[in-house]
Amino acid sequence: PRPERARTVLEHEADHGGHHHGDKPVAVAVITPSGFYPDANDYSRSHRGEVVAHVLERARIKLELTNTADWVAEVDNRPIDPSKTFAENGLHGIVEIEWHKPEGGGGASGGL
């Protein structure tokens, strides 16, 4: 098999994926203990290629949040990786990100 051929298949995959999803808009809401971004009745328009952390940063600034370094982001109770894009996190369509301090559950943190 010629190397060009393998590359073409990958390119086709990338093109197809990109054509199919890459620029697709995503409607994003960020839900935090301090409020909603962009606001309670609206979604922020993003795209699948955008890094989730960029949206969280805009939310942090708008809502004047502090000390968010250890916060966790979840969608449908599933942790997501803010350093990755919406596509890499498997997110599309309407995305509601819950962003908050880590839950101190399960007794593993042992507060006593």
N, C-alpha and C. Protein backbone atom coordinates (compact mmCIF):
# COMPACT_ATOMS: atom_id res chain seq x y z
N PRO A 1 0.83 -1.22 0.00
CA PRO A 1 0.00 0.00 0.00
C PRO A 1 0.86 1.26 0.00
N ARG A 2 0.52 2.18 -0.86
CA ARG A 2 1.30 3.42 -0.95
C ARG A 2 0.96 4.32 0.25
N PRO A 3 1.97 5.01 0.80
CA PRO A 3 1.72 5.91 1.94
C PRO A 3 0.70 7.00 1.60
N GLU A 4 0.72 7.50 0.35
CA GLU A 4 -0.23 8.56 -0.02
C GLU A 4 -1.67 8.08 0.23
N ARG A 5 -1.86 6.81 -0.10
CA ARG A 5 -3.21 6.28 0.00
C ARG A 5 -3.71 6.31 1.44
N ALA A 6 -2.85 5.86 2.36
CA ALA A 6 -3.23 5.87 3.78
C ALA A 6 -3.52 7.30 4.23
N ARG A 7 -2.66 8.22 3.79
CA ARG A 7 -2.85 9.61 4.18
C ARG A 7 -4.18 10.13 3.64
N THR A 8 -4.50 9.76 2.42
CA THR A 8 -5.75 10.21 1.81
C THR A 8 -6.95 9.74 2.62
N VAL A 9 -6.87 8.51 3.07
CA VAL A 9 -7.97 7.97 3.88
C VAL A 9 -8.12 8.80 5.15
N LEU A 10 -6.99 9.08 5.81
CA LEU A 10 -7.04 9.90 7.03
C LEU A 10 -7.57 11.29 6.73
N GLU A 11 -7.08 11.86 5.63
CA GLU A 11 -7.56 13.19 5.26
C GLU A 11 -9.05 13.16 5.00
N HIS A 12 -9.48 12.12 4.30
CA HIS A 12 -10.92 12.01 4.03
C HIS A 12 -11.68 11.95 5.35
N GLU A 13 -11.17 11.14 6.27
CA GLU A 13 -11.79 11.02 7.58
C GLU A 13 -11.87 12.40 8.25
N ALA A 14 -10.74 13.11 8.23
CA ALA A 14 -10.68 14.43 8.85
C ALA A 14 -11.62 15.40 8.13
N ASP A 15 -11.55 15.38 6.81
CA ASP A 15 -12.42 16.26 6.03
C ASP A 15 -13.88 15.94 6.31
N HIS A 16 -14.17 14.67 6.28
CA HIS A 16 -15.57 14.26 6.48
C HIS A 16 -16.02 14.67 7.87
N GLY A 17 -15.17 14.37 8.88
CA GLY A 17 -15.51 14.74 10.25
C GLY A 17 -15.66 16.24 10.35
N GLY A 18 -14.70 16.97 9.75
CA GLY A 18 -14.74 18.42 9.81
C GLY A 18 -15.96 18.95 9.10
N HIS A 19 -16.21 18.40 7.93
CA HIS A 19 -17.36 18.86 7.15
C HIS A 19 -18.65 18.56 7.92
N HIS A 20 -18.65 17.43 8.55
CA HIS A 20 -19.85 16.97 9.22
C HIS A 20 -20.11 17.72 10.53
N HIS A 21 -19.02 17.90 11.32
CA HIS A 21 -19.21 18.41 12.68
C HIS A 21 -18.35 19.61 13.04
N GLY A 22 -17.17 19.74 12.43
CA GLY A 22 -16.18 20.68 12.91
C GLY A 22 -16.70 22.08 13.15
N ASP A 23 -17.41 22.62 12.18
CA ASP A 23 -17.86 24.00 12.30
C ASP A 23 -19.30 24.08 12.77
N LYS A 24 -19.85 22.94 13.13
CA LYS A 24 -21.24 22.96 13.57
C LYS A 24 -21.36 23.81 14.81
N PRO A 25 -22.36 24.67 14.87
CA PRO A 25 -22.52 25.48 16.07
C PRO A 25 -22.95 24.62 17.26
N VAL A 26 -22.54 25.06 18.42
CA VAL A 26 -22.95 24.43 19.66
C VAL A 26 -23.60 25.53 20.49
N ALA A 27 -24.72 25.21 21.12
CA ALA A 27 -25.37 26.18 22.01
C ALA A 27 -24.94 25.82 23.43
N VAL A 28 -24.21 26.72 24.06
CA VAL A 28 -23.61 26.40 25.36
C VAL A 28 -24.18 27.27 26.47
N ALA A 29 -24.49 26.63 27.59
CA ALA A 29 -24.82 27.36 28.81
C ALA A 29 -23.89 26.84 29.89
N VAL A 30 -23.37 27.75 30.72
CA VAL A 30 -22.54 27.35 31.84
C VAL A 30 -23.33 27.64 33.12
N ILE A 31 -23.49 26.60 33.94
CA ILE A 31 -24.26 26.73 35.16
C ILE A 31 -23.29 26.66 36.34
N THR A 32 -23.22 27.72 37.12
CA THR A 32 -22.30 27.76 38.25
C THR A 32 -23.09 28.07 39.52
N PRO A 33 -22.48 27.90 40.69
CA PRO A 33 -23.17 28.25 41.93
C PRO A 33 -23.52 29.74 41.99
N SER A 34 -22.81 30.56 41.19
CA SER A 34 -23.03 32.01 41.24
C SER A 34 -23.95 32.52 40.15
N GLY A 35 -24.41 31.63 39.28
CA GLY A 35 -25.28 32.10 38.21
C GLY A 35 -25.02 31.39 36.91
N PHE A 36 -25.64 31.91 35.86
CA PHE A 36 -25.60 31.28 34.54
C PHE A 36 -24.85 32.15 33.55
N TYR A 37 -24.21 31.50 32.58
CA TYR A 37 -23.58 32.20 31.47
C TYR A 37 -24.17 31.60 30.19
N PRO A 38 -24.57 32.41 29.21
CA PRO A 38 -24.54 33.89 29.26
C PRO A 38 -25.59 34.48 30.20
N ASP A 39 -26.78 33.86 30.30
CA ASP A 39 -27.75 34.23 31.34
C ASP A 39 -28.78 33.12 31.41
N ALA A 40 -29.73 33.24 32.33
CA ALA A 40 -30.63 32.13 32.61
C ALA A 40 -31.50 31.73 31.41
N ASN A 41 -31.71 32.65 30.47
CA ASN A 41 -32.64 32.36 29.37
C ASN A 41 -31.97 32.19 28.02
N ASP A 42 -30.65 32.08 28.00
CA ASP A 42 -29.99 32.11 26.70
C ASP A 42 -28.83 31.13 26.66
N TYR A 43 -28.37 30.89 25.45
CA TYR A 43 -27.19 30.07 25.23
C TYR A 43 -26.15 30.90 24.51
N SER A 44 -24.90 30.56 24.76
CA SER A 44 -23.80 31.20 24.05
C SER A 44 -23.52 30.35 22.82
N ARG A 45 -23.30 31.01 21.69
CA ARG A 45 -23.02 30.27 20.48
C ARG A 45 -21.54 29.96 20.42
N SER A 46 -21.21 28.71 20.24
CA SER A 46 -19.83 28.30 20.10
C SER A 46 -19.76 27.35 18.91
N HIS A 47 -18.62 26.70 18.73
CA HIS A 47 -18.52 25.70 17.66
C HIS A 47 -17.74 24.51 18.20
N ARG A 48 -17.90 23.38 17.53
CA ARG A 48 -17.35 22.13 18.06
C ARG A 48 -15.83 22.14 18.16
N GLY A 49 -15.17 23.01 17.39
CA GLY A 49 -13.71 23.07 17.43
C GLY A 49 -13.17 23.96 18.54
N GLU A 50 -14.05 24.60 19.29
CA GLU A 50 -13.58 25.50 20.34
C GLU A 50 -13.23 24.72 21.60
N VAL A 51 -12.16 25.17 22.28
CA VAL A 51 -11.75 24.55 23.53
C VAL A 51 -12.74 24.98 24.63
N VAL A 52 -13.21 24.01 25.40
CA VAL A 52 -14.22 24.27 26.43
C VAL A 52 -13.75 25.33 27.43
N ALA A 53 -12.46 25.31 27.77
CA ALA A 53 -11.92 26.26 28.75
C ALA A 53 -12.14 27.72 28.33
N HIS A 54 -12.16 27.98 27.02
CA HIS A 54 -12.38 29.36 26.55
C HIS A 54 -13.76 29.85 26.97
N VAL A 55 -14.75 28.97 26.87
CA VAL A 55 -16.11 29.34 27.26
C VAL A 55 -16.17 29.52 28.78
N LEU A 56 -15.52 28.61 29.51
CA LEU A 56 -15.51 28.73 30.98
C LEU A 56 -14.85 30.03 31.42
N GLU A 57 -13.80 30.42 30.69
CA GLU A 57 -13.11 31.67 31.03
C GLU A 57 -14.04 32.87 30.82
N ARG A 58 -14.80 32.85 29.72
CA ARG A 58 -15.75 33.96 29.49
C ARG A 58 -16.81 33.99 30.59
N ALA A 59 -17.25 32.81 31.00
CA ALA A 59 -18.23 32.72 32.08
C ALA A 59 -17.62 33.26 33.38
N ARG A 60 -16.36 32.89 33.64
CA ARG A 60 -15.68 33.32 34.87
C ARG A 60 -15.61 34.85 34.93
N ILE A 61 -15.28 35.46 33.81
CA ILE A 61 -15.15 36.92 33.77
C ILE A 61 -16.52 37.58 33.93
N LYS A 62 -17.51 37.09 33.18
CA LYS A 62 -18.84 37.71 33.24
C LYS A 62 -19.44 37.59 34.64
N LEU A 63 -19.26 36.41 35.25
CA LEU A 63 -19.87 36.17 36.56
C LEU A 63 -18.95 36.59 37.72
N GLU A 64 -17.76 37.11 37.36
CA GLU A 64 -16.80 37.58 38.36
C GLU A 64 -16.46 36.49 39.38
N LEU A 65 -16.20 35.29 38.84
CA LEU A 65 -15.86 34.16 39.70
C LEU A 65 -14.37 34.21 40.06
N THR A 66 -14.06 33.73 41.26
CA THR A 66 -12.66 33.65 41.67
C THR A 66 -12.37 32.23 42.13
N ASN A 67 -11.10 31.90 42.21
CA ASN A 67 -10.67 30.59 42.72
C ASN A 67 -11.35 29.43 42.01
N THR A 68 -11.34 29.46 40.69
CA THR A 68 -11.99 28.39 39.93
C THR A 68 -10.99 27.33 39.46
N ALA A 69 -9.73 27.44 39.86
CA ALA A 69 -8.68 26.55 39.35
C ALA A 69 -8.99 25.07 39.58
N ASP A 70 -9.60 24.75 40.73
CA ASP A 70 -9.86 23.33 41.02
C ASP A 70 -11.28 22.90 40.67
N TRP A 71 -12.03 23.79 40.03
CA TRP A 71 -13.42 23.47 39.71
C TRP A 71 -13.49 22.35 38.68
N VAL A 72 -14.60 21.63 38.70
CA VAL A 72 -14.81 20.56 37.73
C VAL A 72 -15.96 20.94 36.80
N ALA A 73 -15.85 20.51 35.55
CA ALA A 73 -16.90 20.76 34.56
C ALA A 73 -17.55 19.42 34.24
N GLU A 74 -18.88 19.41 34.25
CA GLU A 74 -19.62 18.19 33.96
C GLU A 74 -20.75 18.49 32.99
N VAL A 75 -21.05 17.52 32.16
CA VAL A 75 -22.22 17.59 31.28
C VAL A 75 -23.00 16.30 31.51
N ASP A 76 -24.27 16.43 31.88
CA ASP A 76 -25.09 15.25 32.20
C ASP A 76 -24.41 14.36 33.23
N ASN A 77 -23.85 14.99 34.27
CA ASN A 77 -23.16 14.27 35.36
C ASN A 77 -21.94 13.48 34.89
N ARG A 78 -21.41 13.83 33.74
CA ARG A 78 -20.21 13.17 33.23
C ARG A 78 -19.10 14.22 33.19
N PRO A 79 -17.96 13.96 33.87
CA PRO A 79 -16.87 14.93 33.83
C PRO A 79 -16.37 15.12 32.40
N ILE A 80 -16.07 16.37 32.04
CA ILE A 80 -15.48 16.64 30.73
C ILE A 80 -14.12 17.29 30.95
N ASP A 81 -13.31 17.32 29.92
CA ASP A 81 -11.97 17.89 30.01
C ASP A 81 -11.98 19.27 29.35
N PRO A 82 -11.91 20.33 30.17
CA PRO A 82 -11.98 21.70 29.61
C PRO A 82 -10.82 22.03 28.68
N SER A 83 -9.70 21.29 28.76
CA SER A 83 -8.57 21.60 27.90
C SER A 83 -8.77 21.05 26.49
N LYS A 84 -9.86 20.29 26.30
CA LYS A 84 -10.17 19.75 24.98
C LYS A 84 -11.33 20.52 24.35
N THR A 85 -11.54 20.27 23.06
CA THR A 85 -12.62 20.95 22.36
C THR A 85 -13.95 20.27 22.68
N PHE A 86 -15.03 20.93 22.28
CA PHE A 86 -16.36 20.33 22.45
C PHE A 86 -16.40 18.99 21.70
N ALA A 87 -15.85 18.98 20.48
CA ALA A 87 -15.87 17.75 19.67
C ALA A 87 -15.10 16.64 20.37
N GLU A 88 -13.91 16.97 20.91
CA GLU A 88 -13.10 15.96 21.57
C GLU A 88 -13.79 15.41 22.83
N ASN A 89 -14.63 16.24 23.44
CA ASN A 89 -15.40 15.80 24.60
C ASN A 89 -16.70 15.10 24.19
N GLY A 90 -16.92 15.00 22.87
CA GLY A 90 -18.12 14.33 22.38
C GLY A 90 -19.39 15.16 22.58
N LEU A 91 -19.22 16.49 22.64
CA LEU A 91 -20.36 17.37 22.91
C LEU A 91 -20.83 18.04 21.63
N HIS A 92 -22.14 18.13 21.47
CA HIS A 92 -22.70 18.79 20.29
C HIS A 92 -24.12 19.22 20.61
N GLY A 93 -24.68 20.04 19.72
CA GLY A 93 -26.06 20.49 19.92
C GLY A 93 -26.15 21.47 21.08
N ILE A 94 -27.05 21.17 22.00
CA ILE A 94 -27.21 22.03 23.17
C ILE A 94 -26.41 21.43 24.32
N VAL A 95 -25.48 22.21 24.85
CA VAL A 95 -24.58 21.72 25.88
C VAL A 95 -24.74 22.57 27.14
N GLU A 96 -25.12 21.93 28.24
CA GLU A 96 -25.21 22.64 29.51
C GLU A 96 -24.10 22.13 30.41
N ILE A 97 -23.13 23.01 30.64
CA ILE A 97 -21.97 22.63 31.45
C ILE A 97 -22.21 23.05 32.89
N GLU A 98 -22.16 22.11 33.80
CA GLU A 98 -22.22 22.45 35.21
C GLU A 98 -20.78 22.59 35.68
N TRP A 99 -20.48 23.76 36.24
CA TRP A 99 -19.10 24.08 36.60
C TRP A 99 -19.08 24.50 38.06
N HIS A 100 -18.38 23.75 38.89
CA HIS A 100 -18.42 24.00 40.33
C HIS A 100 -17.24 23.36 41.02
N LYS A 101 -17.12 23.62 42.32
CA LYS A 101 -16.07 22.99 43.10
C LYS A 101 -16.29 21.48 43.09
N PRO A 102 -15.21 20.70 43.22
CA PRO A 102 -15.38 19.24 43.26
C PRO A 102 -16.29 18.85 44.42
N GLU A 103 -17.14 17.87 44.17
CA GLU A 103 -18.02 17.39 45.23
C GLU A 103 -17.17 16.66 46.27
N GLY A 104 -17.44 16.90 47.55
CA GLY A 104 -16.69 16.20 48.57
C GLY A 104 -17.43 14.95 49.01
N GLY A 105 -17.71 14.06 48.06
CA GLY A 105 -18.53 12.91 48.40
C GLY A 105 -17.72 11.66 48.66
N GLY A 106 -18.42 10.61 49.05
CA GLY A 106 -17.83 9.28 49.14
C GLY A 106 -16.94 9.01 50.32
N GLY A 107 -16.73 9.96 51.20
CA GLY A 107 -15.92 9.71 52.39
C GLY A 107 -14.44 9.60 52.09
N ALA A 108 -14.06 9.63 50.81
CA ALA A 108 -12.64 9.48 50.47
C ALA A 108 -11.85 10.71 50.90
N SER A 109 -12.51 11.87 50.90
CA SER A 109 -11.79 13.08 51.27
C SER A 109 -11.61 13.17 52.80
N GLY A 110 -12.44 12.47 53.56
CA GLY A 110 -12.29 12.36 55.00
C GLY A 110 -12.08 13.68 55.73
N GLY A 111 -13.13 14.44 55.87
CA GLY A 111 -13.00 15.77 56.47
C GLY A 111 -12.81 15.76 57.98
N LEU A 112 -12.96 14.62 58.63
CA LEU A 112 -12.90 14.62 60.10
C LEU A 112 -11.49 14.41 60.60
